[in-house]
């Protein structure tokens, strides 16, 4: 009975600790990734219909991949697994950087839209790199 009380006490402490993330939704990098995905969906709705299975699809899939890999990596127990998923997210992020450039260069988006997407992706990149670095440096914390 005493063990149950200790476990319950520990769980309550964990639930009240604002410094601990309880879900991938608490991660700033995921929040920025989700914001970027929504922006990509909104922007690509304006792309030509004949791009539905081309650039529109590729851009959306790459953007979703960033957020999805952050989610998947969040629940991995080993540091190596977490870092692998963050690295996949970083690769998808760079893919999206190219799609922003391409979309601007073929006049699917204007400079203002391009600048907005660049602003979003740069903030996301900074947060994602910071999260990956914290995983890399915190030995023991992320090792299952």
C-alpha atoms as a PDB file:
ATOM      1  CA  UNK A   1       0.000   0.000   0.000  1.00  0.00           C
ATOM      2  CA  UNK A   2       2.881   2.363   0.802  1.00  0.00           C
ATOM      3  CA  UNK A   3       4.379   1.834  -2.668  1.00  0.00           C
ATOM      4  CA  UNK A   4       1.104   2.875  -4.325  1.00  0.00           C
ATOM      5  CA  UNK A   5       1.116   6.121  -2.343  1.00  0.00           C
ATOM      6  CA  UNK A   6       4.701   6.854  -3.407  1.00  0.00           C
ATOM      7  CA  UNK A   7       3.915   6.144  -7.045  1.00  0.00           C
ATOM      8  CA  UNK A   8       0.821   8.337  -6.898  1.00  0.00           C
ATOM      9  CA  UNK A   9       2.849  11.112  -5.243  1.00  0.00           C
ATOM     10  CA  UNK A  10       5.509  10.854  -7.967  1.00  0.00           C
ATOM     11  CA  UNK A  11       2.892  10.919 -10.728  1.00  0.00           C
ATOM     12  CA  UNK A  12       1.274  14.011  -9.226  1.00  0.00           C
ATOM     13  CA  UNK A  13       4.657  15.732  -8.998  1.00  0.00           C
ATOM     14  CA  UNK A  14       5.365  14.837 -12.628  1.00  0.00           C
ATOM     15  CA  UNK A  15       1.958  16.120 -13.748  1.00  0.00           C
ATOM     16  CA  UNK A  16       2.513  19.458 -12.013  1.00  0.00           C
ATOM     17  CA  UNK A  17       6.079  20.004 -13.266  1.00  0.00           C
ATOM     18  CA  UNK A  18       5.933  22.577 -16.066  1.00  0.00           C
ATOM     19  CA  UNK A  19       9.518  21.844 -17.143  1.00  0.00           C
ATOM     20  CA  UNK A  20       8.671  18.281 -18.224  1.00  0.00           C
ATOM     21  CA  UNK A  21       6.905  17.686 -21.510  1.00  0.00           C
ATOM     22  CA  UNK A  22       3.943  15.357 -21.211  1.00  0.00           C
ATOM     23  CA  UNK A  23       3.264  15.090 -24.934  1.00  0.00           C
ATOM     24  CA  UNK A  24       4.912  15.913 -28.235  1.00  0.00           C
ATOM     25  CA  UNK A  25       2.448  18.820 -28.318  1.00  0.00           C
ATOM     26  CA  UNK A  26       4.464  20.465 -25.518  1.00  0.00           C
ATOM     27  CA  UNK A  27       7.572  20.655 -27.711  1.00  0.00           C
ATOM     28  CA  UNK A  28       8.166  24.062 -29.255  1.00  0.00           C
ATOM     29  CA  UNK A  29       9.692  22.443 -32.334  1.00  0.00           C
ATOM     30  CA  UNK A  30       6.508  20.419 -32.909  1.00  0.00           C
ATOM     31  CA  UNK A  31       4.345  23.512 -32.393  1.00  0.00           C
ATOM     32  CA  UNK A  32       6.362  25.369 -35.023  1.00  0.00           C
ATOM     33  CA  UNK A  33       6.271  22.347 -37.335  1.00  0.00           C
ATOM     34  CA  UNK A  34       2.485  22.173 -37.028  1.00  0.00           C
ATOM     35  CA  UNK A  35       2.199  25.892 -37.773  1.00  0.00           C
ATOM     36  CA  UNK A  36       4.404  25.395 -40.843  1.00  0.00           C
ATOM     37  CA  UNK A  37       2.288  22.460 -42.092  1.00  0.00           C
ATOM     38  CA  UNK A  38      -0.872  24.547 -41.847  1.00  0.00           C
ATOM     39  CA  UNK A  39       0.806  27.361 -43.789  1.00  0.00           C
ATOM     40  CA  UNK A  40       2.006  24.963 -46.496  1.00  0.00           C
ATOM     41  CA  UNK A  41      -1.495  23.538 -46.890  1.00  0.00           C
ATOM     42  CA  UNK A  42      -2.970  27.021 -47.201  1.00  0.00           C
ATOM     43  CA  UNK A  43      -0.363  28.158 -49.714  1.00  0.00           C
ATOM     44  CA  UNK A  44      -0.495  25.027 -51.866  1.00  0.00           C
ATOM     45  CA  UNK A  45      -4.288  25.277 -52.181  1.00  0.00           C
ATOM     46  CA  UNK A  46      -3.510  28.120 -54.584  1.00  0.00           C
ATOM     47  CA  UNK A  47      -1.179  26.027 -56.770  1.00  0.00           C
ATOM     48  CA  UNK A  48      -2.385  25.040 -60.247  1.00  0.00           C
ATOM     49  CA  UNK A  49      -4.681  22.020 -60.393  1.00  0.00           C
ATOM     50  CA  UNK A  50      -2.200  20.119 -62.562  1.00  0.00           C
ATOM     51  CA  UNK A  51       0.270  20.219 -59.640  1.00  0.00           C
ATOM     52  CA  UNK A  52      -2.071  18.256 -57.338  1.00  0.00           C
ATOM     53  CA  UNK A  53       0.021  15.086 -57.703  1.00  0.00           C
ATOM     54  CA  UNK A  54       3.287  16.900 -58.273  1.00  0.00           C
ATOM     55  CA  UNK A  55       4.680  19.798 -56.292  1.00  0.00           C
ATOM     56  CA  UNK A  56       1.581  20.256 -54.113  1.00  0.00           C
ATOM     57  CA  UNK A  57       1.701  16.656 -52.941  1.00  0.00           C
ATOM     58  CA  UNK A  58       5.477  16.602 -52.452  1.00  0.00           C
ATOM     59  CA  UNK A  59       5.525  19.891 -50.524  1.00  0.00           C
ATOM     60  CA  UNK A  60       2.682  18.804 -48.242  1.00  0.00           C
ATOM     61  CA  UNK A  61       4.173  15.369 -47.583  1.00  0.00           C
ATOM     62  CA  UNK A  62       7.568  16.834 -46.713  1.00  0.00           C
ATOM     63  CA  UNK A  63       5.995  19.401 -44.366  1.00  0.00           C
ATOM     64  CA  UNK A  64       3.883  16.757 -42.629  1.00  0.00           C
ATOM     65  CA  UNK A  65       6.953  14.535 -42.361  1.00  0.00           C
ATOM     66  CA  UNK A  66       8.716  17.140 -40.229  1.00  0.00           C
ATOM     67  CA  UNK A  67       5.943  17.221 -37.618  1.00  0.00           C
ATOM     68  CA  UNK A  68       5.259  13.471 -37.797  1.00  0.00           C
ATOM     69  CA  UNK A  69       8.891  12.521 -37.238  1.00  0.00           C
ATOM     70  CA  UNK A  70       9.105  14.831 -34.231  1.00  0.00           C
ATOM     71  CA  UNK A  71       6.044  13.013 -32.826  1.00  0.00           C
ATOM     72  CA  UNK A  72       7.432   9.574 -33.534  1.00  0.00           C
ATOM     73  CA  UNK A  73      10.857  10.401 -32.164  1.00  0.00           C
ATOM     74  CA  UNK A  74       9.358  11.884 -29.019  1.00  0.00           C
ATOM     75  CA  UNK A  75       8.207   8.462 -27.817  1.00  0.00           C
ATOM     76  CA  UNK A  76      11.366   6.565 -28.697  1.00  0.00           C
ATOM     77  CA  UNK A  77      13.260   5.425 -25.636  1.00  0.00           C
ATOM     78  CA  UNK A  78      16.854   5.502 -26.791  1.00  0.00           C
ATOM     79  CA  UNK A  79      18.767   8.647 -27.571  1.00  0.00           C
ATOM     80  CA  UNK A  80      19.969   7.138 -30.861  1.00  0.00           C
ATOM     81  CA  UNK A  81      16.379   6.461 -31.974  1.00  0.00           C
ATOM     82  CA  UNK A  82      15.254   9.937 -30.967  1.00  0.00           C
ATOM     83  CA  UNK A  83      18.127  11.524 -32.870  1.00  0.00           C
ATOM     84  CA  UNK A  84      17.438   9.408 -35.954  1.00  0.00           C
ATOM     85  CA  UNK A  85      13.870  10.708 -36.134  1.00  0.00           C
ATOM     86  CA  UNK A  86      14.983  14.289 -35.536  1.00  0.00           C
ATOM     87  CA  UNK A  87      17.497  13.871 -38.363  1.00  0.00           C
ATOM     88  CA  UNK A  88      14.744  12.612 -40.680  1.00  0.00           C
ATOM     89  CA  UNK A  89      12.680  15.662 -39.702  1.00  0.00           C
ATOM     90  CA  UNK A  90      15.674  17.900 -40.483  1.00  0.00           C
ATOM     91  CA  UNK A  91      15.988  16.285 -43.916  1.00  0.00           C
ATOM     92  CA  UNK A  92      12.321  16.913 -44.659  1.00  0.00           C
ATOM     93  CA  UNK A  93      12.749  20.493 -43.483  1.00  0.00           C
ATOM     94  CA  UNK A  94      15.550  21.048 -46.000  1.00  0.00           C
ATOM     95  CA  UNK A  95      13.390  19.480 -48.699  1.00  0.00           C
ATOM     96  CA  UNK A  96      10.720  22.073 -47.876  1.00  0.00           C
ATOM     97  CA  UNK A  97      13.303  24.851 -48.147  1.00  0.00           C
ATOM     98  CA  UNK A  98      13.840  23.801 -51.744  1.00  0.00           C
ATOM     99  CA  UNK A  99      10.100  23.684 -52.445  1.00  0.00           C
ATOM    100  CA  UNK A 100       9.794  27.265 -51.189  1.00  0.00           C
ATOM    101  CA  UNK A 101      12.546  28.373 -53.589  1.00  0.00           C
ATOM    102  CA  UNK A 102      11.065  26.396 -56.491  1.00  0.00           C
ATOM    103  CA  UNK A 103       7.542  27.675 -55.824  1.00  0.00           C
ATOM    104  CA  UNK A 104       8.808  31.243 -55.897  1.00  0.00           C
ATOM    105  CA  UNK A 105      10.991  30.732 -58.964  1.00  0.00           C
ATOM    106  CA  UNK A 106       8.132  29.281 -61.040  1.00  0.00           C
ATOM    107  CA  UNK A 107       5.774  32.009 -59.808  1.00  0.00           C
ATOM    108  CA  UNK A 108       3.437  29.823 -57.787  1.00  0.00           C
ATOM    109  CA  UNK A 109       4.042  32.099 -54.798  1.00  0.00           C
ATOM    110  CA  UNK A 110       5.036  35.732 -54.543  1.00  0.00           C
ATOM    111  CA  UNK A 111       7.994  37.144 -52.607  1.00  0.00           C
ATOM    112  CA  UNK A 112       5.835  38.026 -49.594  1.00  0.00           C
ATOM    113  CA  UNK A 113       4.549  34.451 -49.300  1.00  0.00           C
ATOM    114  CA  UNK A 114       8.042  33.093 -49.832  1.00  0.00           C
ATOM    115  CA  UNK A 115       9.371  35.374 -47.085  1.00  0.00           C
ATOM    116  CA  UNK A 116       6.606  34.239 -44.715  1.00  0.00           C
ATOM    117  CA  UNK A 117       7.339  30.560 -45.344  1.00  0.00           C
ATOM    118  CA  UNK A 118      11.077  31.206 -44.953  1.00  0.00           C
ATOM    119  CA  UNK A 119      10.425  32.958 -41.647  1.00  0.00           C
ATOM    120  CA  UNK A 120       8.365  30.008 -40.401  1.00  0.00           C
ATOM    121  CA  UNK A 121      10.838  27.384 -41.554  1.00  0.00           C
ATOM    122  CA  UNK A 122      13.814  29.249 -40.089  1.00  0.00           C
ATOM    123  CA  UNK A 123      12.155  29.418 -36.663  1.00  0.00           C
ATOM    124  CA  UNK A 124      11.249  25.762 -36.932  1.00  0.00           C
ATOM    125  CA  UNK A 125      14.784  24.828 -37.954  1.00  0.00           C
ATOM    126  CA  UNK A 126      16.254  26.696 -35.005  1.00  0.00           C
ATOM    127  CA  UNK A 127      13.931  24.949 -32.534  1.00  0.00           C
ATOM    128  CA  UNK A 128      14.390  21.518 -34.114  1.00  0.00           C
ATOM    129  CA  UNK A 129      18.177  21.843 -34.088  1.00  0.00           C
ATOM    130  CA  UNK A 130      18.041  22.939 -30.452  1.00  0.00           C
ATOM    131  CA  UNK A 131      15.887  19.972 -29.498  1.00  0.00           C
ATOM    132  CA  UNK A 132      18.186  17.547 -31.317  1.00  0.00           C
ATOM    133  CA  UNK A 133      21.206  19.116 -29.624  1.00  0.00           C
ATOM    134  CA  UNK A 134      19.598  18.767 -26.191  1.00  0.00           C
ATOM    135  CA  UNK A 135      18.898  15.089 -26.883  1.00  0.00           C
ATOM    136  CA  UNK A 136      22.468  14.594 -27.998  1.00  0.00           C
ATOM    137  CA  UNK A 137      23.993  16.299 -24.956  1.00  0.00           C
ATOM    138  CA  UNK A 138      21.758  14.879 -22.212  1.00  0.00           C
ATOM    139  CA  UNK A 139      23.232  11.449 -21.710  1.00  0.00           C
ATOM    140  CA  UNK A 140      21.209   9.254 -19.381  1.00  0.00           C
ATOM    141  CA  UNK A 141      18.089  11.400 -19.603  1.00  0.00           C
ATOM    142  CA  UNK A 142      17.074   9.983 -22.975  1.00  0.00           C
ATOM    143  CA  UNK A 143      18.649   6.553 -22.702  1.00  0.00           C
ATOM    144  CA  UNK A 144      15.947   3.976 -22.060  1.00  0.00           C
END
